[in-house]
Amino acid sequence: MEWYILKSVTILATLLLFHKLLLEKEDMHTFKRFYLLVAVIASIGIPLITITTYIDPTSQNIDPALLQSSKKTSVAENQSFMDYLPFVLWTIYALGVIFFSIKFIRNLRKLLLKVRKNPKVKKKGFLRILLQEEIDPHTFLNYIFLNKQKYEQKQIPKEVIIHEEAHANQKHSLDIIFVEFLQIIFWINPLIYFLKDFIKLNHEFLADREVLKKGIQKAEYQTTLLSFSSGDLHSDFVNPINYSSIKKRFTVMKTQTSKSTILVKSLLILPLISILFFSFINKEKVENDLNSTTLILEVDRIGQLLMHENKITIEELNKHIKENSFTSYHVEVVENSSPAILKDLIQLMAENKLKGSVATCTTNNKDQEKATPDMISEHNRLVKHYNSIPEEDFKMTQEHANRIMYIRSLMTATQRKKAEKIRFEILPPPPPAPVTPPTPPAPPSFEKLLADGAIFYYQEKTIEPQKARKLVEDQKKVNVHITYNNQEKPIVKLTDKEN
């Protein structure tokens, strides 16, 4: 809020200074009237404009401990002040709005009461309100307020009536009402009061010009102005003959501005407005969502391919991939869905050279309406952590990668849009390790073979168990084959190993 006020005040100050130095004394009053109105609109509107620039994100390595320490210190020191400051400021602002609203309504009510309670004379489409009190002639909308006694005795000069009719005919009161209304809302901008004075003075220039156009002599008119400029009237809405502005009005009456001067000074406003515009608009840099380069797909329980919850064919998907700049993909497959579409999908991704991952989720997970707040908090914490790691040092655990993608699969479109943006590539999980074949059972011991009544053969001949033991233990160059006959007696055949 404070930045908006500062920008608004600076813009209005610059435009009013330009008016004061280069325009005020020039005979270009109609142009100045609209310039002043545009000036206040520009000072209000320009600081509200925001131009957004989209940039590629950059990774920053920030020490989380340092950041948290800094934040905690600031909060601890300013906690109570920051809690109450907004309330205090808004209370002061609201009181100002109430004060100026009451003032606006009171002044308007006074004028309307004068119109209702006093006699009126309609001439040339304007109502002349005849008042008992001694007042300077003044105008509000189509009402011209005059002293009744002087009016009936024809003591009010013709040029004064022409002057007030010019105010009414050119609707000068609408400008004043507009500025008074802005003053209610932007009363904290001190330059609003200077603006109102500039507008009222320019109205006098416009009315003076109309009087002189009617053939009234300049010297005679100036004498009349001096006699009718008591400055006793106190109202924000009307255009009285004001003594304080007489000197400036006399000076401007003598001024004749050439067309070339008007053109040059008018053209100077264009670069001035351009400089103010580009200096005081809000410039916002938004990092591109790199996650938009990841194609998110889903295969439902009946084997349909979905993108953004809408059904899409392989052909349509292929066209969509070629029209966009996807670099990776992620597919959520509902448990027990048809595998046919998945085979075509993986082949399509390979043809388009996209890396990605496929995750299987249960029906219960897919039926969940959205990720829980705790899940989103966990997702954002993990993503922020990995976003802060420089690319050359980047390393992610597969557990975290799976967790991030799982939570994202539960998010609604709105939740994904608001979630922390992923600025790194999530690689698919590695293929499972090959299954190790079971270890064959250990052969029975020699003693057990003897206990079972084993029969030993070597070179197709029966041998004694002791010789068989010696061949196995001493030479260790024989193969041992054990079989069992119908009586379950082991048959042990010893054969020489091939060299």
Protein backbone atom coordinates (compact mmCIF):
# COMPACT_ATOMS: atom_id res chain seq x y z
CA MET A 1 0.00 0.00 0.00
CA GLU A 2 2.76 2.45 0.90
CA TRP A 3 4.49 1.82 -2.44
CA TYR A 4 1.25 2.52 -4.30
CA ILE A 5 0.79 5.82 -2.46
CA LEU A 6 4.40 6.84 -3.12
CA LYS A 7 4.13 6.05 -6.83
CA SER A 8 0.77 7.80 -7.15
CA VAL A 9 2.04 10.96 -5.43
CA THR A 10 5.20 11.02 -7.58
CA ILE A 11 3.25 10.67 -10.84
CA LEU A 12 0.75 13.37 -9.90
CA ALA A 13 3.52 15.68 -8.67
CA THR A 14 5.38 15.32 -11.97
CA LEU A 15 2.30 16.01 -14.09
CA LEU A 16 1.23 18.98 -11.96
CA LEU A 17 4.74 20.43 -12.09
CA PHE A 18 4.69 20.12 -15.88
CA HIS A 19 1.33 21.94 -15.89
CA LYS A 20 2.58 24.66 -13.57
CA LEU A 21 5.78 25.37 -15.51
CA LEU A 22 4.69 24.92 -19.13
CA LEU A 23 0.90 24.99 -19.43
CA GLU A 24 -0.81 27.13 -16.78
CA LYS A 25 -0.19 30.56 -18.34
CA GLU A 26 -0.81 29.44 -21.91
CA ASP A 27 -4.02 30.17 -23.79
CA MET A 28 -4.97 26.50 -24.24
CA HIS A 29 -7.54 26.18 -21.50
CA THR A 30 -9.72 23.41 -22.97
CA PHE A 31 -6.66 21.23 -23.44
CA LYS A 32 -5.52 21.98 -19.87
CA ARG A 33 -8.93 21.01 -18.51
CA PHE A 34 -8.65 17.48 -19.90
CA TYR A 35 -4.93 17.29 -19.11
CA LEU A 36 -5.60 17.82 -15.40
CA LEU A 37 -8.32 15.17 -15.36
CA VAL A 38 -6.09 12.69 -17.20
CA ALA A 39 -3.26 13.51 -14.77
CA VAL A 40 -5.22 12.39 -11.73
CA ILE A 41 -6.52 9.28 -13.53
CA ALA A 42 -2.97 8.38 -14.58
CA SER A 43 -1.65 8.83 -11.05
CA ILE A 44 -4.31 6.42 -9.78
CA GLY A 45 -4.16 3.89 -12.62
CA ILE A 46 -0.48 3.53 -13.58
CA PRO A 47 0.67 2.08 -10.22
CA LEU A 48 -2.08 -0.54 -10.52
CA ILE A 49 -0.79 -1.89 -13.85
CA THR A 50 1.37 -5.00 -13.75
CA ILE A 51 3.45 -6.30 -16.66
CA THR A 52 4.45 -9.94 -16.26
CA THR A 53 7.67 -11.31 -17.77
CA TYR A 54 8.17 -15.06 -17.91
CA ILE A 55 11.73 -16.25 -17.34
CA ASP A 56 13.47 -19.58 -17.03
CA PRO A 57 14.04 -20.52 -13.40
CA THR A 58 17.50 -20.67 -11.90
CA SER A 59 18.55 -22.92 -9.07
CA GLN A 60 19.90 -21.27 -5.96
CA ASN A 61 21.78 -22.99 -3.19
CA ILE A 62 20.36 -21.45 -0.02
CA ASP A 63 21.30 -22.55 3.45
CA PRO A 64 17.92 -23.37 5.04
CA ALA A 65 19.30 -23.00 8.56
CA LEU A 66 20.51 -19.46 7.83
CA LEU A 67 17.20 -18.50 6.28
CA GLN A 68 15.17 -19.85 9.16
CA SER A 69 17.42 -18.13 11.70
CA SER A 70 17.01 -14.77 9.98
CA LYS A 71 13.25 -15.10 9.77
CA LYS A 72 12.87 -16.10 13.38
CA THR A 73 14.87 -13.10 14.61
CA SER A 74 12.79 -10.66 12.56
CA VAL A 75 9.50 -12.11 13.72
CA ALA A 76 10.54 -12.15 17.35
CA GLU A 77 11.58 -8.49 17.30
CA ASN A 78 8.61 -7.12 15.35
CA GLN A 79 5.80 -9.49 16.22
CA SER A 80 3.67 -7.12 18.29
CA PHE A 81 4.32 -4.06 16.10
CA MET A 82 3.50 -5.84 12.84
CA ASP A 83 0.36 -7.29 14.35
CA TYR A 84 -1.14 -3.91 15.20
CA LEU A 85 0.33 -1.64 12.51
CA PRO A 86 -2.08 -2.64 9.68
CA PHE A 87 -5.06 -2.19 11.98
CA VAL A 88 -3.87 1.26 13.09
CA LEU A 89 -3.18 2.43 9.53
CA TRP A 90 -6.51 1.17 8.17
CA THR A 91 -8.32 2.78 11.10
CA ILE A 92 -6.70 6.15 10.35
CA TYR A 93 -7.55 5.78 6.66
CA ALA A 94 -11.17 4.85 7.45
CA LEU A 95 -11.55 7.87 9.74
CA GLY A 96 -10.28 10.10 6.94
CA VAL A 97 -12.76 8.59 4.48
CA ILE A 98 -15.60 9.12 6.96
CA PHE A 99 -14.54 12.75 7.60
CA PHE A 100 -14.36 13.71 3.92
CA SER A 101 -17.55 11.81 3.12
CA ILE A 102 -19.41 13.82 5.78
CA LYS A 103 -17.89 17.03 4.43
CA PHE A 104 -18.91 16.10 0.86
CA ILE A 105 -22.49 15.33 1.87
CA ARG A 106 -22.77 18.44 4.05
CA ASN A 107 -21.61 20.81 1.27
CA LEU A 108 -23.88 19.15 -1.25
CA ARG A 109 -26.83 19.35 1.13
CA LYS A 110 -26.26 23.07 1.75
CA LEU A 111 -26.38 23.83 -1.97
CA LEU A 112 -29.49 21.72 -2.53
CA LEU A 113 -31.24 23.41 0.39
CA LYS A 114 -30.46 26.80 -1.15
CA VAL A 115 -31.99 25.62 -4.41
CA ARG A 116 -35.12 24.29 -2.71
CA LYS A 117 -35.80 27.16 -0.27
CA ASN A 118 -35.11 30.22 -2.42
CA PRO A 119 -36.92 31.76 -5.39
CA LYS A 120 -35.75 30.75 -8.86
CA VAL A 121 -35.70 32.46 -12.24
CA LYS A 122 -35.16 30.34 -15.34
CA LYS A 123 -33.25 31.98 -18.19
CA LYS A 124 -31.39 30.43 -21.14
CA GLY A 125 -31.83 26.97 -19.68
CA PHE A 126 -30.23 27.89 -16.33
CA LEU A 127 -31.88 28.44 -12.96
CA ARG A 128 -30.91 31.65 -11.19
CA ILE A 129 -31.26 31.09 -7.45
CA LEU A 130 -31.97 34.39 -5.67
CA LEU A 131 -30.55 34.48 -2.14
CA GLN A 132 -31.19 36.98 0.66
CA GLU A 133 -27.62 36.94 2.01
CA GLU A 134 -24.78 39.00 0.60
CA ILE A 135 -22.76 36.58 -1.53
CA ASP A 136 -20.52 36.61 -4.55
CA PRO A 137 -22.15 35.17 -7.67
CA HIS A 138 -21.27 31.50 -8.04
CA THR A 139 -22.38 28.42 -9.96
CA PHE A 140 -23.16 24.77 -9.28
CA LEU A 141 -24.33 22.55 -12.13
CA ASN A 142 -27.15 24.50 -13.83
CA TYR A 143 -27.77 26.71 -10.80
CA ILE A 144 -26.41 30.27 -10.69
CA PHE A 145 -26.57 31.74 -7.18
CA LEU A 146 -27.08 35.54 -7.03
CA ASN A 147 -28.00 38.13 -4.41
CA LYS A 148 -31.74 38.76 -4.80
CA GLN A 149 -31.65 42.49 -4.06
CA LYS A 150 -28.80 43.23 -6.47
CA TYR A 151 -30.38 41.04 -9.14
CA GLU A 152 -33.78 42.74 -8.93
CA GLN A 153 -32.16 46.19 -8.93
CA LYS A 154 -30.03 45.15 -11.92
CA GLN A 155 -26.81 45.89 -10.04
CA ILE A 156 -25.11 42.71 -11.28
CA PRO A 157 -23.14 43.50 -14.45
CA LYS A 158 -23.85 41.63 -17.66
CA GLU A 159 -20.29 40.28 -17.85
CA VAL A 160 -20.67 38.60 -14.43
CA ILE A 161 -23.81 36.80 -15.61
CA ILE A 162 -22.02 35.68 -18.79
CA HIS A 163 -19.10 34.43 -16.69
CA GLU A 164 -21.37 32.31 -14.45
CA GLU A 165 -23.37 31.01 -17.42
CA ALA A 166 -20.09 29.85 -18.97
CA HIS A 167 -19.37 27.77 -15.85
CA ALA A 168 -22.83 26.20 -16.05
CA ASN A 169 -22.80 25.65 -19.80
CA GLN A 170 -19.37 23.96 -19.78
CA LYS A 171 -20.32 21.69 -16.84
CA HIS A 172 -17.37 22.75 -14.70
CA SER A 173 -19.12 21.48 -11.59
CA LEU A 174 -18.77 17.89 -12.85
CA ASP A 175 -14.99 18.24 -12.74
CA ILE A 176 -15.17 19.51 -9.17
CA ILE A 177 -17.54 16.74 -8.05
CA PHE A 178 -15.21 14.16 -9.61
CA VAL A 179 -12.18 15.53 -7.75
CA GLU A 180 -14.15 15.84 -4.50
CA PHE A 181 -15.12 12.18 -4.80
CA LEU A 182 -11.48 11.20 -5.40
CA GLN A 183 -10.50 13.25 -2.38
CA ILE A 184 -12.71 11.03 -0.22
CA ILE A 185 -10.90 7.87 -1.35
CA PHE A 186 -7.39 9.30 -1.80
CA TRP A 187 -7.39 11.91 0.94
CA ILE A 188 -3.93 10.69 1.99
CA ASN A 189 -2.54 12.09 -1.27
CA PRO A 190 -1.80 15.76 -0.44
CA LEU A 191 -1.54 16.75 -4.09
CA ILE A 192 -5.28 16.20 -4.60
CA TYR A 193 -5.82 19.61 -2.95
CA PHE A 194 -3.40 21.34 -5.35
CA LEU A 195 -5.07 19.58 -8.26
CA LYS A 196 -8.45 20.94 -7.23
CA ASP A 197 -7.08 24.50 -7.10
CA PHE A 198 -5.51 24.12 -10.56
CA ILE A 199 -8.79 22.83 -11.99
CA LYS A 200 -10.81 25.68 -10.45
CA LEU A 201 -8.34 28.28 -11.73
CA ASN A 202 -8.51 26.82 -15.23
CA HIS A 203 -12.31 26.98 -15.05
CA GLU A 204 -11.96 30.70 -14.42
CA PHE A 205 -9.72 31.03 -17.47
CA LEU A 206 -12.36 29.25 -19.57
CA ALA A 207 -15.18 31.47 -18.27
CA ASP A 208 -13.10 34.63 -18.78
CA ARG A 209 -12.46 33.63 -22.38
CA GLU A 210 -16.20 33.26 -23.00
CA VAL A 211 -16.84 36.74 -21.58
CA LEU A 212 -14.20 38.34 -23.84
CA LYS A 213 -15.63 36.46 -26.84
CA LYS A 214 -18.93 38.30 -26.25
CA GLY A 215 -17.22 41.60 -27.00
CA ILE A 216 -16.79 42.82 -23.43
CA GLN A 217 -13.84 45.19 -23.14
CA LYS A 218 -10.91 43.69 -21.25
CA ALA A 219 -10.31 46.74 -19.01
CA GLU A 220 -14.00 47.06 -18.16
CA TYR A 221 -14.22 43.34 -17.33
CA GLN A 222 -11.14 43.45 -15.11
CA THR A 223 -12.61 46.36 -13.15
CA THR A 224 -15.83 44.40 -12.67
CA LEU A 225 -13.92 41.35 -11.43
CA LEU A 226 -12.16 43.43 -8.79
CA SER A 227 -15.45 44.81 -7.50
CA PHE A 228 -17.01 41.33 -7.22
CA SER A 229 -14.09 39.48 -5.66
CA SER A 230 -14.60 39.57 -1.92
CA GLY A 231 -13.51 35.96 -1.43
CA ASP A 232 -16.10 35.47 1.34
CA LEU A 233 -17.62 32.27 -0.09
CA HIS A 234 -16.55 29.01 1.49
CA SER A 235 -17.71 26.01 -0.57
CA ASP A 236 -15.75 23.28 -2.33
CA PHE A 237 -18.33 22.71 -5.06
CA VAL A 238 -18.86 26.16 -6.60
CA ASN A 239 -16.88 28.48 -8.85
CA PRO A 240 -16.94 31.91 -7.14
CA ILE A 241 -15.13 35.01 -8.31
CA ASN A 242 -11.98 34.68 -6.21
CA TYR A 243 -9.68 37.60 -5.45
CA SER A 244 -6.64 35.37 -4.99
CA SER A 245 -6.77 34.26 -8.62
CA ILE A 246 -7.44 37.71 -10.12
CA LYS A 247 -3.77 38.55 -10.80
CA LYS A 248 -3.16 35.28 -12.68
CA ARG A 249 -6.38 35.72 -14.63
CA PHE A 250 -5.40 39.23 -15.70
CA THR A 251 -2.03 37.91 -16.90
CA VAL A 252 -3.58 35.06 -18.89
CA MET A 253 -6.13 37.42 -20.48
CA LYS A 254 -3.22 39.21 -22.16
CA THR A 255 -1.60 35.99 -23.39
CA GLN A 256 -1.96 34.83 -26.99
CA THR A 257 -0.40 31.39 -27.47
CA SER A 258 0.61 30.46 -31.02
CA LYS A 259 -0.54 27.20 -32.60
CA SER A 260 3.05 26.00 -32.91
CA THR A 261 3.62 26.50 -29.17
CA ILE A 262 0.41 24.62 -28.38
CA LEU A 263 1.50 21.76 -30.67
CA VAL A 264 5.02 21.49 -29.22
CA LYS A 265 3.88 21.56 -25.60
CA SER A 266 1.11 19.07 -26.32
CA LEU A 267 3.57 16.65 -27.93
CA LEU A 268 5.92 16.92 -24.95
CA ILE A 269 3.26 15.22 -22.86
CA LEU A 270 3.58 11.94 -24.81
CA PRO A 271 7.19 11.14 -23.79
CA LEU A 272 6.43 12.37 -20.26
CA ILE A 273 3.51 9.96 -19.90
CA SER A 274 5.60 7.15 -21.44
CA ILE A 275 8.45 7.69 -18.97
CA LEU A 276 6.06 7.75 -16.03
CA PHE A 277 4.26 4.66 -17.30
CA PHE A 278 7.34 2.48 -17.66
CA SER A 279 8.92 3.87 -14.48
CA PHE A 280 6.00 3.26 -12.14
CA ILE A 281 4.13 0.22 -13.42
CA ASN A 282 4.69 -3.00 -11.52
CA LYS A 283 7.14 -5.37 -13.18
CA GLU A 284 6.68 -8.98 -12.18
CA LYS A 285 9.00 -11.80 -13.18
CA VAL A 286 7.41 -15.24 -13.15
CA GLU A 287 9.48 -18.36 -13.54
CA ASN A 288 8.29 -20.73 -16.22
CA ASP A 289 6.78 -23.90 -14.88
CA LEU A 290 9.26 -26.53 -15.97
CA ASN A 291 6.83 -29.17 -14.83
CA SER A 292 4.76 -28.25 -17.88
CA THR A 293 7.34 -30.16 -19.95
CA THR A 294 6.32 -33.39 -18.22
CA LEU A 295 3.41 -35.17 -19.86
CA ILE A 296 1.07 -36.54 -17.18
CA LEU A 297 -1.16 -39.44 -18.30
CA GLU A 298 -3.46 -41.98 -16.69
CA VAL A 299 -4.72 -45.42 -17.62
CA ASP A 300 -8.05 -46.14 -15.91
CA ARG A 301 -9.42 -49.48 -14.76
CA ILE A 302 -11.00 -50.31 -18.15
CA GLY A 303 -7.81 -49.53 -20.06
CA GLN A 304 -8.72 -46.05 -21.34
CA LEU A 305 -5.93 -43.50 -21.78
CA LEU A 306 -6.68 -40.19 -20.03
CA MET A 307 -5.00 -36.78 -20.14
CA HIS A 308 -6.27 -34.05 -17.80
CA GLU A 309 -9.11 -36.44 -16.95
CA ASN A 310 -10.23 -36.50 -20.60
CA LYS A 311 -10.09 -39.57 -22.85
CA ILE A 312 -7.44 -39.42 -25.59
CA THR A 313 -6.39 -41.88 -28.28
CA ILE A 314 -2.82 -42.88 -29.11
CA GLU A 315 -3.08 -40.98 -32.42
CA GLU A 316 -4.32 -37.82 -30.70
CA LEU A 317 -1.62 -38.15 -28.07
CA ASN A 318 1.09 -38.50 -30.72
CA LYS A 319 -0.12 -35.29 -32.38
CA HIS A 320 -0.22 -33.52 -29.01
CA ILE A 321 3.37 -34.56 -28.23
CA LYS A 322 4.64 -33.28 -31.59
CA GLU A 323 2.88 -29.92 -31.10
CA ASN A 324 4.44 -29.37 -27.66
CA SER A 325 7.89 -29.47 -26.08
CA PHE A 326 7.59 -32.36 -23.68
CA THR A 327 10.82 -33.83 -22.36
CA SER A 328 9.46 -36.53 -20.07
CA TYR A 329 6.30 -38.36 -19.11
CA HIS A 330 4.65 -40.00 -16.14
CA VAL A 331 1.84 -42.54 -16.38
CA GLU A 332 -0.46 -43.54 -13.53
CA VAL A 333 -1.91 -47.01 -14.14
CA VAL A 334 -4.88 -48.17 -12.08
CA GLU A 335 -4.33 -51.60 -10.60
CA ASN A 336 -5.71 -54.53 -12.67
CA SER A 337 -6.32 -52.34 -15.74
CA SER A 338 -5.88 -53.67 -19.27
CA PRO A 339 -2.17 -53.77 -20.25
CA ALA A 340 -2.82 -53.45 -24.02
CA ILE A 341 -2.93 -49.64 -24.11
CA LEU A 342 0.16 -49.43 -21.91
CA LYS A 343 2.25 -51.39 -24.43
CA ASP A 344 1.26 -49.00 -27.24
CA LEU A 345 1.88 -46.03 -24.95
CA ILE A 346 5.41 -47.09 -24.02
CA GLN A 347 6.21 -47.67 -27.69
CA LEU A 348 4.90 -44.19 -28.56
CA MET A 349 7.08 -42.59 -25.88
CA ALA A 350 10.12 -44.45 -27.18
CA GLU A 351 9.43 -43.25 -30.73
CA ASN A 352 9.25 -39.65 -29.47
CA LYS A 353 12.41 -40.13 -27.35
CA LEU A 354 10.70 -39.22 -24.08
CA LYS A 355 11.99 -40.47 -20.75
CA GLY A 356 9.52 -41.23 -18.04
CA SER A 357 8.05 -43.48 -15.43
CA VAL A 358 5.02 -45.69 -14.93
CA ALA A 359 3.41 -46.10 -11.52
CA THR A 360 0.68 -48.49 -10.46
CA CYS A 361 -1.87 -47.24 -7.96
CA THR A 362 -4.73 -49.00 -6.25
CA THR A 363 -8.37 -48.22 -6.95
CA ASN A 364 -8.73 -46.76 -3.48
CA ASN A 365 -5.99 -44.24 -4.19
CA LYS A 366 -7.49 -43.23 -7.52
CA ASP A 367 -10.91 -42.81 -5.95
CA GLN A 368 -9.49 -40.38 -3.41
CA GLU A 369 -10.80 -36.92 -4.28
CA LYS A 370 -7.54 -35.08 -3.71
CA ALA A 371 -4.29 -35.09 -1.80
CA THR A 372 -4.56 -34.20 1.86
CA PRO A 373 -3.04 -30.96 3.22
CA ASP A 374 -0.35 -33.00 4.97
CA MET A 375 0.55 -34.68 1.68
CA ILE A 376 0.77 -31.33 -0.12
CA SER A 377 2.94 -29.94 2.67
CA GLU A 378 5.24 -32.97 2.40
CA HIS A 379 5.36 -32.62 -1.41
CA ASN A 380 6.23 -28.91 -1.24
CA ARG A 381 8.91 -29.51 1.39
CA LEU A 382 10.61 -32.21 -0.71
CA VAL A 383 10.38 -30.21 -3.95
CA LYS A 384 11.74 -27.03 -2.31
CA HIS A 385 14.65 -29.03 -0.93
CA TYR A 386 15.62 -30.53 -4.29
CA ASN A 387 14.96 -27.26 -6.17
CA SER A 388 17.61 -25.58 -4.01
CA ILE A 389 20.33 -28.11 -4.91
CA PRO A 390 22.66 -27.00 -7.77
CA GLU A 391 22.48 -29.13 -10.88
CA GLU A 392 26.08 -30.35 -10.55
CA ASP A 393 25.41 -31.60 -7.00
CA PHE A 394 21.92 -32.91 -7.63
CA LYS A 395 21.12 -36.37 -6.30
CA MET A 396 17.69 -37.67 -5.34
CA THR A 397 16.78 -40.83 -3.50
CA GLN A 398 14.39 -43.12 -5.32
CA GLU A 399 12.20 -43.16 -2.23
CA HIS A 400 11.69 -39.39 -2.44
CA ALA A 401 11.14 -39.51 -6.20
CA ASN A 402 8.43 -42.14 -5.80
CA ARG A 403 6.84 -40.21 -2.96
CA ILE A 404 6.70 -36.95 -4.92
CA MET A 405 5.12 -38.61 -7.96
CA TYR A 406 2.68 -40.55 -5.79
CA ILE A 407 1.43 -37.39 -4.08
CA ARG A 408 1.18 -35.57 -7.42
CA SER A 409 -0.93 -38.43 -8.76
CA LEU A 410 -3.47 -37.75 -5.99
CA MET A 411 -3.58 -33.99 -6.55
CA THR A 412 -6.43 -32.32 -8.38
CA ALA A 413 -5.67 -29.90 -11.22
CA THR A 414 -6.10 -26.97 -8.82
CA GLN A 415 -3.79 -28.51 -6.23
CA ARG A 416 -1.10 -29.13 -8.86
CA LYS A 417 -1.34 -25.54 -10.04
CA LYS A 418 -0.80 -24.21 -6.51
CA ALA A 419 1.83 -26.77 -5.49
CA GLU A 420 5.56 -26.07 -5.50
CA LYS A 421 6.87 -26.24 -9.08
CA ILE A 422 9.31 -29.05 -9.91
CA ARG A 423 12.52 -27.72 -11.52
CA PHE A 424 14.30 -31.04 -11.87
CA GLU A 425 13.80 -34.26 -13.78
CA ILE A 426 12.40 -37.21 -11.88
CA LEU A 427 13.94 -40.35 -13.33
CA PRO A 428 11.93 -43.59 -13.44
CA PRO A 429 12.79 -46.21 -10.83
CA PRO A 430 15.56 -48.68 -11.82
CA PRO A 431 14.48 -52.12 -13.04
CA PRO A 432 14.26 -54.78 -10.32
CA ALA A 433 17.37 -56.87 -9.68
CA PRO A 434 17.36 -60.33 -11.31
CA VAL A 435 15.99 -63.07 -9.11
CA THR A 436 18.75 -65.24 -7.65
CA PRO A 437 18.00 -68.95 -8.17
CA PRO A 438 17.58 -70.92 -4.95
CA THR A 439 20.70 -72.56 -3.56
CA PRO A 440 20.61 -76.30 -4.17
CA PRO A 441 20.45 -78.42 -1.02
CA ALA A 442 23.80 -79.50 0.42
CA PRO A 443 24.73 -83.14 -0.27
CA PRO A 444 24.37 -85.51 2.66
CA SER A 445 27.52 -86.18 4.72
CA PHE A 446 29.65 -89.29 4.17
CA GLU A 447 28.69 -90.66 7.60
CA LYS A 448 24.99 -90.29 6.79
CA LEU A 449 25.52 -92.16 3.52
CA LEU A 450 27.17 -94.99 5.45
CA ALA A 451 24.36 -95.01 8.00
CA ASP A 452 21.81 -95.27 5.20
CA GLY A 453 23.63 -98.28 3.73
CA ALA A 454 24.98 -96.50 0.65
CA ILE A 455 26.54 -98.56 -2.15
CA PHE A 456 29.66 -96.97 -3.74
CA TYR A 457 30.76 -97.39 -7.39
CA TYR A 458 33.97 -96.30 -9.07
CA GLN A 459 34.72 -97.01 -12.72
CA GLU A 460 31.57 -99.15 -12.89
CA LYS A 461 32.76 -101.36 -10.02
CA THR A 462 31.64 -101.63 -6.42
CA ILE A 463 34.19 -100.33 -3.94
CA GLU A 464 34.47 -100.24 -0.20
CA PRO A 465 33.26 -97.17 1.64
CA GLN A 466 36.78 -96.49 3.01
CA LYS A 467 38.21 -96.40 -0.54
CA ALA A 468 35.38 -94.13 -1.62
CA ARG A 469 36.15 -91.76 1.27
CA LYS A 470 39.83 -91.70 0.33
CA LEU A 471 39.02 -90.89 -3.32
CA VAL A 472 36.80 -88.00 -2.30
CA GLU A 473 39.02 -86.56 0.44
CA ASP A 474 42.52 -87.19 -0.89
CA GLN A 475 42.21 -86.78 -4.62
CA LYS A 476 39.20 -84.47 -4.82
CA LYS A 477 39.25 -85.13 -8.53
CA VAL A 478 36.07 -87.15 -8.73
CA ASN A 479 32.47 -86.26 -9.36
CA VAL A 480 29.92 -87.59 -6.91
CA HIS A 481 26.45 -88.64 -8.16
CA ILE A 482 23.93 -89.83 -5.57
CA THR A 483 20.71 -91.63 -6.47
CA TYR A 484 18.28 -93.75 -4.52
CA ASN A 485 16.86 -97.15 -5.46
CA ASN A 486 13.39 -98.38 -4.60
CA GLN A 487 14.57 -99.44 -1.14
CA GLU A 488 15.79 -95.87 -0.69
CA LYS A 489 19.42 -97.00 -0.31
CA PRO A 490 21.69 -94.38 -1.71
CA ILE A 491 23.69 -95.29 -4.83
CA VAL A 492 26.92 -93.27 -4.93
CA LYS A 493 28.79 -93.22 -8.26
CA LEU A 494 32.28 -91.74 -8.36
CA THR A 495 33.68 -90.69 -11.75
CA ASP A 496 36.95 -88.98 -12.64
CA LYS A 497 36.76 -85.25 -13.39
CA GLU A 498 37.71 -84.26 -16.93
CA ASN A 499 40.95 -82.29 -17.19
